[in-house]
Amino acid sequence: GLLKRTGFPKEAIEYVVCGTVIQEPKTGNVAREAVLSGGLPLSTPAHTVTQACISSNQAITTAMGYMNSGFCETAVAGGVETMSDVPIRHSRKMRKWLLALNKAKSTGQRLSMLLQLRPDYFMPELPAVAEFTTGEVMGHSGDRLAAAFKVSRQEQDDYALRSHTLADKAFKAGLLNDIEPVTVPKKGLVDRDNGIRVGTPEQYAKLKPAFVKPYGTVTAANASFLTDGASACLLMTEEKAKQLGLKPKAYLREFLYVSQDPKDQLLLGPAYATPRILEKAGLTLKDIDVFEFHEAFAGQILANLKALDSDWFAKEHMKRSGKYGAPDLSKFNLWGGSLSIGHPFGATGVRLLTTTANRLIKEDGKYGLLAACAAGGITSIAIAMVTHEECQDWSCREALDCPPAGHAMIVERYPGS
């Protein structure tokens, strides 16, 4: 879909890297399988990365690193998740028994193994979206975070309704036109995200807590839902784009990863990373025209905004003299987010990036900031920069407010080329 839209020649792709989380054993390196299935040359190398909800963020920044080091000039970064058909394992007892049975040489040994089989061996192990170190699912962390920052159930429901309403509005306005239609067996053509549901506050209020029962505030309505999805973006160096006569859609200027305590601050990474990435880039909150934050839970988003706007949190946890300030909601996730669009783990990062670029162009902005929290207490955050109209002839490349050569960019072809 990406190559069809851009018209970019398959043989010009030098590397492919994709993110995924719940891996299908038969396609352990799904990036390479995508290369082979997508008709790219057999000589195109590819690898797969996994970093929970920011797997395709990692794919993007890995490609950036390869390009900045001179390893390649063009790459495709993407991600994929198939939550509707996750691999389910036998129990550990059954796995050990099957391996032992496979080693049995004689009929007697096999019969002896059969006598060892017990009913509880047949209990399957379902994949769980849980922290290995804490044993908690992310919903528990979302509930704890909302309680710690006094984010009410009403605030969470209101924010979730905002996400669905904005996503619905964006789709009807034709703003989500980067969705590639696919035909699903027995379902037909799918050409829009099918999780967008604009309800009413009364409908939201009726839902029961999903994780901490009966007093929790995270529900099915104010949490992102699991869905199938895939994404891809075309990246290249400035020099290569110029050589090929391509028009940059946006520059990827800076990126940063941070980590916190996965027990108490699992989802607070955006609050820690936002000041650091902006200071690294020499920017302030006021310079950012577009904010795109991954919406794991409404409570998580609101807690991060409150943390950024808290003197106490800044002094106690961020070792700053005072609060940094929260992003302006009038610039924040204006085309919906993961609460309404869905969260296919490995694909979300590229979706955040392309939405940031598309919004910058549509809203005539210059700088965009995207952030996403992930399992393990890790957060990815990046700054995208859209080029000025006068920059498209490359004449002002050396200006202070333009990114230096060597930074990765996502591109589209000039109209008509």
Protein backbone atom coordinates (compact mmCIF):
# COMPACT_ATOMS: atom_id res chain seq x y z
CA GLY A 1 0.00 0.00 0.00
CA LEU A 2 2.79 2.44 0.88
CA LEU A 3 4.73 1.82 -2.30
CA LYS A 4 1.57 2.03 -4.41
CA ARG A 5 0.67 5.39 -2.88
CA THR A 6 4.14 6.89 -3.21
CA GLY A 7 5.08 5.32 -6.52
CA PHE A 8 8.46 4.58 -5.02
CA PRO A 9 10.38 1.81 -6.83
CA LYS A 10 10.66 -1.40 -4.81
CA GLU A 11 14.26 -1.96 -5.79
CA ALA A 12 15.22 1.41 -4.23
CA ILE A 13 14.28 0.23 -0.70
CA GLU A 14 17.56 -0.62 1.01
CA TYR A 15 16.25 -1.87 4.35
CA VAL A 16 12.98 -2.74 6.11
CA VAL A 17 12.40 -2.82 9.86
CA CYS A 18 9.06 -3.60 11.51
CA GLY A 19 7.77 -3.74 15.05
CA THR A 20 5.50 -6.36 16.57
CA VAL A 21 4.68 -7.54 20.09
CA ILE A 22 2.74 -10.80 20.24
CA GLN A 23 4.74 -12.71 17.67
CA GLU A 24 3.40 -15.50 15.54
CA PRO A 25 6.06 -18.25 15.78
CA LYS A 26 5.73 -19.11 12.09
CA THR A 27 6.69 -15.55 11.10
CA GLY A 28 9.27 -14.71 13.73
CA ASN A 29 10.88 -12.09 11.48
CA VAL A 30 7.67 -10.58 10.14
CA ALA A 31 9.58 -7.71 8.48
CA ARG A 32 11.37 -10.17 6.21
CA GLU A 33 8.08 -11.96 5.46
CA ALA A 34 6.58 -8.58 4.49
CA VAL A 35 9.50 -8.00 2.11
CA LEU A 36 8.94 -11.37 0.45
CA SER A 37 5.14 -11.08 0.34
CA GLY A 38 5.27 -7.47 -0.86
CA GLY A 39 7.30 -8.33 -3.92
CA LEU A 40 10.45 -6.46 -2.90
CA PRO A 41 13.74 -7.82 -4.23
CA LEU A 42 14.92 -10.93 -2.41
CA SER A 43 18.14 -9.06 -1.68
CA THR A 44 16.34 -6.52 0.57
CA PRO A 45 17.39 -7.18 4.21
CA ALA A 46 14.89 -6.75 7.03
CA HIS A 47 14.57 -7.33 10.73
CA THR A 48 11.87 -7.16 13.39
CA VAL A 49 11.95 -5.32 16.71
CA THR A 50 9.73 -5.61 19.76
CA GLN A 51 9.33 -2.94 22.42
CA ALA A 52 5.71 -3.27 23.53
CA CYS A 53 3.48 -0.36 22.52
CA ILE A 54 6.39 1.56 20.97
CA SER A 55 7.66 -1.21 18.70
CA SER A 56 7.18 0.76 15.48
CA ASN A 57 8.60 3.85 17.18
CA GLN A 58 11.70 1.74 17.67
CA ALA A 59 11.51 0.62 14.04
CA ILE A 60 11.47 4.27 12.93
CA THR A 61 14.38 5.36 15.10
CA THR A 62 16.38 2.26 14.20
CA ALA A 63 16.01 3.20 10.54
CA MET A 64 17.03 6.78 11.39
CA GLY A 65 20.15 5.47 13.08
CA TYR A 66 21.04 3.30 10.10
CA MET A 67 20.71 6.28 7.78
CA ASN A 68 22.62 8.69 10.00
CA SER A 69 25.45 6.16 10.30
CA GLY A 70 25.67 5.81 6.52
CA PHE A 71 24.49 2.20 6.44
CA CYS A 72 21.64 3.01 4.06
CA GLU A 73 19.86 5.99 2.51
CA THR A 74 16.30 4.66 2.17
CA ALA A 75 14.23 2.45 4.46
CA VAL A 76 10.69 1.42 5.25
CA ALA A 77 9.69 1.35 8.91
CA GLY A 78 6.42 -0.15 10.06
CA GLY A 79 4.66 -2.47 12.43
CA VAL A 80 1.89 -5.04 12.64
CA GLU A 81 -0.29 -6.77 15.19
CA THR A 82 -2.95 -9.47 14.82
CA MET A 83 -4.82 -9.43 18.11
CA SER A 84 -7.74 -11.45 16.74
CA ASP A 85 -5.59 -14.56 16.30
CA VAL A 86 -2.92 -14.57 18.98
CA PRO A 87 -0.81 -17.70 19.48
CA ILE A 88 -2.02 -19.75 22.46
CA ARG A 89 0.45 -22.09 24.12
CA HIS A 90 0.02 -25.38 25.87
CA SER A 91 0.70 -25.27 29.60
CA ARG A 92 4.31 -25.72 30.68
CA LYS A 93 3.49 -29.17 32.03
CA MET A 94 2.09 -30.20 28.64
CA ARG A 95 5.04 -28.72 26.77
CA LYS A 96 7.51 -30.67 28.91
CA TRP A 97 5.44 -33.83 28.46
CA LEU A 98 5.29 -33.43 24.67
CA LEU A 99 9.04 -32.90 24.44
CA ALA A 100 9.65 -35.99 26.54
CA LEU A 101 7.17 -37.99 24.42
CA ASN A 102 9.02 -36.94 21.28
CA LYS A 103 12.20 -38.49 22.72
CA ALA A 104 10.53 -41.81 23.60
CA LYS A 105 12.03 -44.56 21.45
CA SER A 106 9.91 -47.65 22.07
CA THR A 107 6.22 -48.42 22.32
CA GLY A 108 6.67 -49.20 26.00
CA GLN A 109 8.22 -45.83 26.68
CA ARG A 110 5.37 -44.08 24.84
CA LEU A 111 2.76 -46.01 26.86
CA SER A 112 4.57 -45.09 30.07
CA MET A 113 4.44 -41.42 29.03
CA LEU A 114 0.70 -41.67 28.40
CA LEU A 115 0.17 -42.88 31.96
CA GLN A 116 1.82 -39.68 33.22
CA LEU A 117 -0.65 -37.42 31.41
CA ARG A 118 -2.99 -35.47 33.74
CA PRO A 119 -6.15 -33.43 33.00
CA ASP A 120 -4.60 -30.14 34.16
CA TYR A 121 -1.94 -30.51 31.46
CA PHE A 122 -4.61 -29.49 28.93
CA MET A 123 -5.17 -26.02 30.42
CA PRO A 124 -3.82 -23.53 27.82
CA GLU A 125 -1.71 -20.47 28.55
CA LEU A 126 -3.34 -17.38 27.10
CA PRO A 127 -1.15 -14.38 26.27
CA ALA A 128 -1.55 -11.66 28.88
CA VAL A 129 -0.83 -7.96 28.51
CA ALA A 130 0.96 -8.05 31.84
CA GLU A 131 4.24 -6.84 33.25
CA PHE A 132 6.61 -9.76 33.80
CA THR A 133 8.28 -8.08 36.78
CA THR A 134 5.10 -7.01 38.59
CA GLY A 135 2.52 -9.47 37.29
CA GLU A 136 0.08 -6.61 36.77
CA VAL A 137 -1.81 -5.86 33.60
CA MET A 138 -1.50 -2.31 32.34
CA GLY A 139 -5.09 -1.53 33.32
CA HIS A 140 -4.14 -1.85 36.99
CA SER A 141 -1.38 0.70 36.45
CA GLY A 142 -3.84 2.97 34.68
CA ASP A 143 -6.23 2.81 37.62
CA ARG A 144 -3.45 3.46 40.13
CA LEU A 145 -2.11 6.40 38.10
CA ALA A 146 -5.56 7.97 37.80
CA ALA A 147 -6.08 7.64 41.54
CA ALA A 148 -2.64 9.09 42.34
CA PHE A 149 -3.31 12.21 40.29
CA LYS A 150 -6.96 12.46 41.31
CA VAL A 151 -8.30 11.98 37.80
CA SER A 152 -12.00 11.34 38.27
CA ARG A 153 -14.10 8.83 36.38
CA GLN A 154 -16.03 11.75 34.89
CA GLU A 155 -12.83 13.37 33.57
CA GLN A 156 -11.76 10.09 31.99
CA ASP A 157 -15.12 9.51 30.34
CA ASP A 158 -15.20 13.08 29.05
CA TYR A 159 -11.75 12.72 27.53
CA ALA A 160 -12.66 9.38 25.92
CA LEU A 161 -15.78 10.92 24.41
CA ARG A 162 -13.60 13.74 23.07
CA SER A 163 -11.32 11.21 21.36
CA HIS A 164 -14.19 9.38 19.67
CA THR A 165 -15.90 12.61 18.66
CA LEU A 166 -12.73 14.06 17.12
CA ALA A 167 -11.89 10.83 15.29
CA ASP A 168 -15.41 10.63 13.87
CA LYS A 169 -15.22 14.27 12.77
CA ALA A 170 -11.78 13.75 11.19
CA PHE A 171 -12.93 10.71 9.24
CA LYS A 172 -16.05 12.45 7.93
CA ALA A 173 -13.90 15.41 6.87
CA GLY A 174 -11.61 13.11 4.87
CA LEU A 175 -8.61 13.79 7.09
CA LEU A 176 -7.85 10.12 7.81
CA ASN A 177 -7.14 9.43 4.16
CA ASP A 178 -3.94 7.50 4.78
CA ILE A 179 -5.94 4.37 5.64
CA GLU A 180 -5.27 1.63 3.10
CA PRO A 181 -8.50 -0.31 2.33
CA VAL A 182 -8.25 -4.07 2.81
CA THR A 183 -10.63 -6.90 2.03
CA VAL A 184 -11.21 -9.24 4.96
CA PRO A 185 -12.62 -12.73 4.28
CA LYS A 186 -16.31 -12.95 5.22
CA LYS A 187 -16.26 -9.27 6.25
CA GLY A 188 -15.76 -7.50 2.95
CA LEU A 189 -13.99 -4.19 2.38
CA VAL A 190 -12.66 -2.35 5.40
CA ASP A 191 -11.83 1.25 4.60
CA ARG A 192 -12.10 2.96 7.97
CA ASP A 193 -11.19 2.25 11.58
CA ASN A 194 -14.18 0.41 12.97
CA GLY A 195 -13.72 1.18 16.66
CA ILE A 196 -14.92 4.80 16.50
CA ARG A 197 -18.14 5.03 18.50
CA VAL A 198 -19.52 8.39 19.56
CA GLY A 199 -21.66 7.60 22.58
CA THR A 200 -23.21 9.76 25.28
CA PRO A 201 -21.96 10.58 28.78
CA GLU A 202 -24.87 8.52 30.13
CA GLN A 203 -23.78 5.45 28.17
CA TYR A 204 -20.19 5.83 29.36
CA ALA A 205 -21.30 6.19 32.97
CA LYS A 206 -23.14 2.84 32.91
CA LEU A 207 -20.01 0.79 32.27
CA LYS A 208 -18.44 -1.08 35.17
CA PRO A 209 -14.73 -0.96 36.10
CA ALA A 210 -12.68 -3.27 33.90
CA PHE A 211 -9.68 -3.94 36.14
CA VAL A 212 -9.91 -2.81 39.77
CA LYS A 213 -13.35 -3.97 40.85
CA PRO A 214 -15.59 -2.53 42.10
CA TYR A 215 -13.90 0.82 42.79
CA GLY A 216 -11.69 1.37 39.76
CA THR A 217 -12.30 4.11 37.21
CA VAL A 218 -10.84 2.52 34.05
CA THR A 219 -13.60 1.03 31.89
CA ALA A 220 -13.95 -0.37 28.41
CA ALA A 221 -15.00 3.10 27.21
CA ASN A 222 -12.04 5.09 28.55
CA ALA A 223 -9.32 2.55 27.70
CA SER A 224 -7.78 1.87 24.30
CA PHE A 225 -9.02 -1.35 22.74
CA LEU A 226 -6.99 -4.11 21.13
CA THR A 227 -7.33 -4.46 17.40
CA ASP A 228 -5.62 -5.77 14.31
CA GLY A 229 -3.57 -3.28 12.36
CA ALA A 230 -0.49 -2.59 10.28
CA SER A 231 1.40 0.54 9.30
CA ALA A 232 4.38 1.62 7.23
CA CYS A 233 6.26 4.80 6.33
CA LEU A 234 8.96 5.63 3.82
CA LEU A 235 12.11 7.18 5.27
CA MET A 236 15.22 8.55 3.61
CA THR A 237 18.06 11.00 3.99
CA GLU A 238 17.76 14.54 2.74
CA GLU A 239 20.45 13.99 0.13
CA LYS A 240 18.67 10.95 -1.30
CA ALA A 241 15.32 12.71 -1.47
CA LYS A 242 16.93 15.62 -3.30
CA GLN A 243 18.65 13.25 -5.70
CA LEU A 244 15.37 11.50 -6.51
CA GLY A 245 13.37 14.72 -6.82
CA LEU A 246 11.10 13.89 -3.91
CA LYS A 247 9.18 16.35 -1.75
CA PRO A 248 9.63 15.90 2.02
CA LYS A 249 6.44 15.41 3.96
CA ALA A 250 8.19 16.00 7.29
CA TYR A 251 11.61 15.80 8.91
CA LEU A 252 12.26 13.62 11.93
CA ARG A 253 14.46 15.91 13.95
CA GLU A 254 15.02 14.44 17.41
CA PHE A 255 14.02 11.38 19.41
CA LEU A 256 14.41 10.19 22.98
CA TYR A 257 13.66 7.12 25.07
CA VAL A 258 13.16 7.25 28.83
CA SER A 259 12.40 4.61 31.46
CA GLN A 260 10.63 4.68 34.82
CA ASP A 261 9.67 2.32 37.63
CA PRO A 262 7.23 -0.16 36.00
CA LYS A 263 5.35 -0.57 39.27
CA ASP A 264 4.35 2.97 40.17
CA GLN A 265 5.19 5.06 37.09
CA LEU A 266 4.63 2.66 34.21
CA LEU A 267 2.65 5.13 32.09
CA LEU A 268 4.25 8.43 33.14
CA GLY A 269 7.01 8.49 30.54
CA PRO A 270 5.53 11.33 28.44
CA ALA A 271 5.67 13.65 31.45
CA TYR A 272 9.35 12.87 32.02
CA ALA A 273 10.34 12.97 28.36
CA THR A 274 8.50 16.06 27.11
CA PRO A 275 10.74 18.64 28.83
CA ARG A 276 13.90 16.72 27.96
CA ILE A 277 13.18 16.37 24.23
CA LEU A 278 12.13 20.00 23.86
CA GLU A 279 15.22 21.23 25.68
CA LYS A 280 17.36 18.91 23.54
CA ALA A 281 15.83 20.48 20.42
CA GLY A 282 16.03 24.03 21.73
CA LEU A 283 12.25 24.41 21.69
CA THR A 284 9.46 25.17 24.16
CA LEU A 285 5.87 24.00 24.49
CA LYS A 286 4.73 27.18 22.73
CA ASP A 287 6.78 26.25 19.66
CA ILE A 288 4.85 23.01 19.15
CA ASP A 289 1.90 23.24 16.78
CA VAL A 290 0.81 19.60 16.88
CA PHE A 291 0.80 17.17 19.82
CA GLU A 292 0.12 13.47 19.21
CA PHE A 293 0.24 11.32 22.35
CA HIS A 294 -0.66 7.64 22.45
CA GLU A 295 -3.89 7.24 24.41
CA ALA A 296 -3.40 4.01 26.34
CA PHE A 297 -6.05 5.14 28.84
CA ALA A 298 -7.87 8.41 29.29
CA GLY A 299 -6.61 8.43 32.87
CA GLN A 300 -3.03 7.97 31.68
CA ILE A 301 -3.25 10.97 29.35
CA LEU A 302 -4.83 13.20 31.98
CA ALA A 303 -2.37 12.07 34.67
CA ASN A 304 0.58 12.97 32.44
CA LEU A 305 -0.91 16.38 31.73
CA LYS A 306 -1.42 16.96 35.46
CA ALA A 307 2.12 15.78 36.21
CA LEU A 308 3.55 18.25 33.71
CA ASP A 309 1.51 21.00 35.34
CA SER A 310 2.49 20.09 38.92
CA ASP A 311 5.17 21.93 40.88
CA TRP A 312 5.29 19.06 43.38
CA PHE A 313 5.85 16.40 40.73
CA ALA A 314 8.48 18.53 38.99
CA LYS A 315 10.47 19.03 42.20
CA GLU A 316 10.06 15.56 43.73
CA HIS A 317 10.38 13.35 40.67
CA MET A 318 11.84 15.36 37.81
CA LYS A 319 14.34 17.36 39.90
CA ARG A 320 13.22 20.59 38.30
CA SER A 321 12.73 23.91 40.04
CA GLY A 322 9.08 24.09 39.05
CA LYS A 323 6.44 22.71 36.73
CA TYR A 324 7.16 22.58 33.03
CA GLY A 325 3.57 23.09 31.91
CA ALA A 326 1.12 20.92 30.01
CA PRO A 327 0.44 20.89 26.26
CA ASP A 328 -2.40 23.05 24.99
CA LEU A 329 -5.43 20.79 24.43
CA SER A 330 -6.45 22.92 21.44
CA LYS A 331 -3.41 21.37 19.68
CA PHE A 332 -3.66 17.91 21.25
CA ASN A 333 -4.80 14.73 19.42
CA LEU A 334 -7.28 16.67 17.29
CA TRP A 335 -8.00 13.74 14.95
CA GLY A 336 -8.72 11.28 17.73
CA GLY A 337 -6.29 8.78 19.19
CA SER A 338 -5.83 5.21 20.37
CA LEU A 339 -8.95 5.39 22.54
CA SER A 340 -11.08 5.77 19.43
CA ILE A 341 -8.92 4.45 16.59
CA GLY A 342 -7.58 1.44 18.47
CA HIS A 343 -4.17 0.21 19.54
CA PRO A 344 -2.58 -2.56 17.46
CA PHE A 345 0.59 -2.62 19.57
CA GLY A 346 3.26 -2.90 16.89
CA ALA A 347 1.59 -0.51 14.44
CA THR A 348 0.67 2.47 16.62
CA GLY A 349 4.00 4.34 16.47
CA VAL A 350 3.90 4.85 12.70
CA ARG A 351 0.26 5.89 12.96
CA LEU A 352 1.26 8.56 15.48
CA LEU A 353 4.04 9.77 13.18
CA THR A 354 1.99 9.97 10.00
CA THR A 355 -0.87 11.67 11.84
CA THR A 356 1.59 14.22 13.18
CA ALA A 357 2.94 14.92 9.70
CA ASN A 358 -0.52 15.10 8.12
CA ARG A 359 -1.77 17.45 10.82
CA LEU A 360 1.25 19.72 10.46
CA ILE A 361 0.55 20.06 6.76
CA LYS A 362 -3.21 20.46 7.13
CA GLU A 363 -2.94 22.92 10.03
CA ASP A 364 0.00 24.84 8.52
CA GLY A 365 2.20 24.03 11.52
CA LYS A 366 5.94 23.78 11.82
CA TYR A 367 6.78 21.50 14.76
CA GLY A 368 5.03 18.39 16.03
CA LEU A 369 5.69 16.38 19.18
CA LEU A 370 4.64 12.73 19.51
CA ALA A 371 4.92 10.50 22.56
CA ALA A 372 3.93 6.99 23.54
CA CYS A 373 4.24 5.02 26.77
CA ALA A 374 4.91 1.29 26.80
CA ALA A 375 5.21 -1.76 29.01
CA GLY A 376 8.30 -1.90 31.17
CA GLY A 377 7.98 1.79 31.97
CA ILE A 378 9.63 2.83 28.69
CA THR A 379 8.54 5.82 26.63
CA SER A 380 9.44 6.98 23.15
CA ILE A 381 9.14 10.62 22.18
CA ALA A 382 10.07 12.44 19.00
CA ILE A 383 9.88 15.78 17.25
CA ALA A 384 8.74 16.02 13.65
CA MET A 385 9.27 19.17 11.63
CA VAL A 386 7.36 20.07 8.48
CA THR A 387 9.19 22.04 5.80
CA HIS A 388 8.19 25.56 4.77
CA GLU A 389 6.89 26.13 1.26
CA GLU A 390 9.98 28.23 0.54
CA CYS A 391 12.19 25.38 1.76
CA GLN A 392 10.98 22.97 -0.89
CA ASP A 393 13.63 24.13 -3.35
CA TRP A 394 16.20 23.30 -0.65
CA SER A 395 17.65 26.81 -0.88
CA CYS A 396 17.45 27.57 2.84
CA ARG A 397 18.80 24.27 4.13
CA GLU A 398 21.51 25.99 6.11
CA ALA A 399 19.10 28.30 7.96
CA LEU A 400 19.13 27.85 11.73
CA ASP A 401 15.52 26.72 11.89
CA CYS A 402 15.91 24.02 9.28
CA PRO A 403 17.24 20.56 10.13
CA PRO A 404 20.76 19.73 9.03
CA ALA A 405 21.50 17.28 6.27
CA GLY A 406 21.47 13.68 7.36
CA HIS A 407 18.24 13.75 9.34
CA ALA A 408 15.64 11.22 8.26
CA MET A 409 12.43 12.34 6.65
CA ILE A 410 9.17 10.83 5.53
CA VAL A 411 8.45 11.72 1.94
CA GLU A 412 5.85 11.82 -0.76
CA ARG A 413 6.34 12.36 -4.49
CA TYR A 414 5.79 15.74 -6.08
CA PRO A 415 2.31 15.87 -7.65
CA GLY A 416 2.49 14.64 -11.21
CA SER A 417 6.00 13.23 -10.98
